[in-house]
Protein backbone atom coordinates (compact mmCIF):
# COMPACT_ATOMS: atom_id res chain seq x y z
CA UNK A 1 89.62 63.29 155.49
CA UNK A 2 89.18 64.36 151.87
CA UNK A 3 90.89 62.43 149.10
CA UNK A 4 93.74 64.24 147.43
CA UNK A 5 95.80 63.85 144.29
CA UNK A 6 98.14 60.89 144.70
CA UNK A 7 95.90 58.98 147.15
CA UNK A 8 94.85 55.45 146.25
CA UNK A 9 91.27 55.52 144.94
CA UNK A 10 88.93 53.62 147.28
CA UNK A 11 87.50 50.48 145.74
CA UNK A 12 84.05 50.75 144.21
CA UNK A 13 82.24 47.43 144.23
CA UNK A 14 78.50 47.13 143.54
CA UNK A 15 76.11 45.35 141.18
CA UNK A 16 78.92 43.32 139.62
CA UNK A 17 81.07 46.40 138.99
CA UNK A 18 84.56 46.64 140.47
CA UNK A 19 86.79 49.69 139.96
CA UNK A 20 90.02 47.72 140.41
CA UNK A 21 89.14 45.64 137.32
CA UNK A 22 89.67 48.80 135.24
CA UNK A 23 93.37 49.09 136.12
CA UNK A 24 95.29 50.02 133.02
CA UNK A 25 92.61 52.54 132.04
CA UNK A 26 91.89 56.01 133.31
CA UNK A 27 88.54 56.38 135.05
CA UNK A 28 86.27 59.36 135.63
CA UNK A 29 84.19 58.76 138.76
CA UNK A 30 81.45 61.34 139.07
CA UNK A 31 79.15 61.49 142.08
CA UNK A 32 75.68 62.94 141.57
CA UNK A 33 72.82 63.42 144.03
CA UNK A 34 69.85 61.78 142.27
CA UNK A 35 69.02 60.19 138.95
CA UNK A 36 66.42 61.90 136.76
CA UNK A 37 66.70 65.35 138.32
CA UNK A 38 67.48 68.35 136.15
CA UNK A 39 71.07 69.07 137.23
CA UNK A 40 72.07 65.42 137.34
CA UNK A 41 70.53 64.76 133.94
CA UNK A 42 72.36 67.72 132.45
CA UNK A 43 75.68 66.53 133.91
CA UNK A 44 75.17 62.92 132.81
CA UNK A 45 74.18 64.01 129.29
CA UNK A 46 77.36 66.11 129.03
CA UNK A 47 79.40 63.02 129.92
CA UNK A 48 77.31 60.97 127.45
CA UNK A 49 77.96 63.47 124.67
CA UNK A 50 81.71 63.45 125.39
CA UNK A 51 81.98 59.69 125.92
CA UNK A 52 83.61 58.96 122.55
CA UNK A 53 86.27 61.61 123.28
CA UNK A 54 86.94 60.01 126.67
CA UNK A 55 87.14 56.56 125.03
CA UNK A 56 89.78 57.86 122.59
CA UNK A 57 91.85 58.74 125.67
CA UNK A 58 91.44 55.22 127.15
CA UNK A 59 89.13 56.62 129.83
CA UNK A 60 86.03 55.01 131.32
CA UNK A 61 83.17 57.03 132.85
CA UNK A 62 81.45 55.85 136.03
CA UNK A 63 78.53 57.61 137.70
CA UNK A 64 77.70 56.98 141.37
CA UNK A 65 74.55 58.03 143.22
CA UNK A 66 72.56 56.91 146.25
CA UNK A 67 69.78 55.64 143.95
CA UNK A 68 68.82 51.98 143.68
CA UNK A 69 69.70 50.10 140.47
CA UNK A 70 66.16 50.28 139.02
CA UNK A 71 65.80 54.08 138.92
CA UNK A 72 69.37 54.45 137.62
CA UNK A 73 68.76 51.98 134.77
CA UNK A 74 65.42 53.54 133.82
CA UNK A 75 67.10 56.96 133.70
CA UNK A 76 70.03 55.58 131.68
CA UNK A 77 67.67 54.08 129.13
CA UNK A 78 65.60 57.26 128.85
CA UNK A 79 68.67 59.45 128.17
CA UNK A 80 70.89 56.97 126.32
CA UNK A 81 73.55 56.86 129.05
CA UNK A 82 75.94 54.09 127.98
CA UNK A 83 78.48 54.43 130.80
CA UNK A 84 78.34 52.46 134.05
CA UNK A 85 76.06 53.71 136.80
CA UNK A 86 76.80 52.40 140.27
CA UNK A 87 74.08 52.37 142.95
CA UNK A 88 75.17 53.46 146.42
CA UNK A 89 71.99 53.42 148.55
CA UNK A 90 73.95 52.93 151.78
CA UNK A 91 76.27 55.81 150.71
CA UNK A 92 79.31 53.72 151.70
CA UNK A 93 81.10 54.58 148.44
CA UNK A 94 80.28 58.28 148.81
CA UNK A 95 81.60 58.21 152.38
CA UNK A 96 84.85 56.50 151.25
CA UNK A 97 85.35 59.30 148.72
CA UNK A 98 84.42 62.01 151.24
CA UNK A 99 81.43 63.33 149.27
CA UNK A 100 78.62 62.36 151.68
CA UNK A 101 78.14 65.71 153.41
CA UNK A 102 75.71 67.81 155.38
CA UNK A 103 73.78 70.04 153.02
CA UNK A 104 71.24 72.77 153.53
CA UNK A 105 68.22 73.76 151.47
CA UNK A 106 65.63 76.32 152.52
CA UNK A 107 67.01 76.22 156.06
CA UNK A 108 66.66 72.45 156.34
CA UNK A 109 69.82 70.43 156.96
CA UNK A 110 70.20 66.93 155.56
CA UNK A 111 72.89 64.50 154.42
CA UNK A 112 73.54 64.00 150.73
CA UNK A 113 76.03 63.85 147.88
CA UNK A 114 78.24 66.86 147.27
CA UNK A 115 78.49 66.76 143.47
CA UNK A 116 82.15 65.84 142.89
CA UNK A 117 84.33 64.13 140.29
CA UNK A 118 87.56 62.18 140.62
CA UNK A 119 90.01 61.20 137.90
CA UNK A 120 91.68 57.90 138.65
CA UNK A 121 94.86 57.05 136.79
CA UNK A 122 95.71 53.70 135.22
CA UNK A 123 97.42 52.58 138.45
CA UNK A 124 94.39 53.30 140.63
CA UNK A 125 95.54 56.59 142.14
CA UNK A 126 93.62 59.86 142.28
CA UNK A 127 95.01 62.10 139.53
CA UNK A 128 92.61 65.03 139.96
CA UNK A 129 89.72 66.07 142.20
CA UNK A 130 86.82 68.33 141.20
CA UNK A 131 84.85 69.25 144.36
CA UNK A 132 81.55 71.16 144.43
CA UNK A 133 81.02 70.74 140.69
CA UNK A 134 79.10 73.28 138.64
CA UNK A 135 77.28 71.22 136.03
CA UNK A 136 77.47 73.27 132.84
CA UNK A 137 80.76 72.64 131.05
CA UNK A 138 82.03 70.22 133.67
CA UNK A 139 82.54 67.22 131.36
CA UNK A 140 84.68 69.38 129.04
CA UNK A 141 86.86 70.46 131.99
CA UNK A 142 87.33 66.85 133.05
CA UNK A 143 88.16 65.81 129.46
CA UNK A 144 90.76 68.54 129.31
CA UNK A 145 92.29 67.31 132.58
CA UNK A 146 92.45 63.76 131.21
CA UNK A 147 94.61 65.15 128.40
CA UNK A 148 97.56 63.38 126.81
CA UNK A 149 99.88 64.01 129.78
CA UNK A 150 97.51 62.33 132.26
């Protein structure tokens, strides 16, 4: 069952990070397929470039992918990504958020991340869902949704 606006956000707990410790802040949780690939890098860099605008709105940015910690951290260093990256190699977090899906490329079917973003409000509830994200301009759309009324 897909998460919807108003649902409690599933806990994210990995590598010392815990989503519930951010209560009182808004949180952007964006799921991406693989660190250091072109689309994921473009998306992460858009969030990086908008990070000060998110911070002014009391909003944290969290990126989740099935990568291990090492590749995520190397990628973060290379591109100056200052927000938290959460490794999900068992895809348990992606499954809890309903974004671990069957995909198809060149006729081959496989399981992977459906690029998606969730806004979590200060009380830990889903405030907005962005499924099947198109990378270009996505961070700006999310920032707009965070807006003052969020």
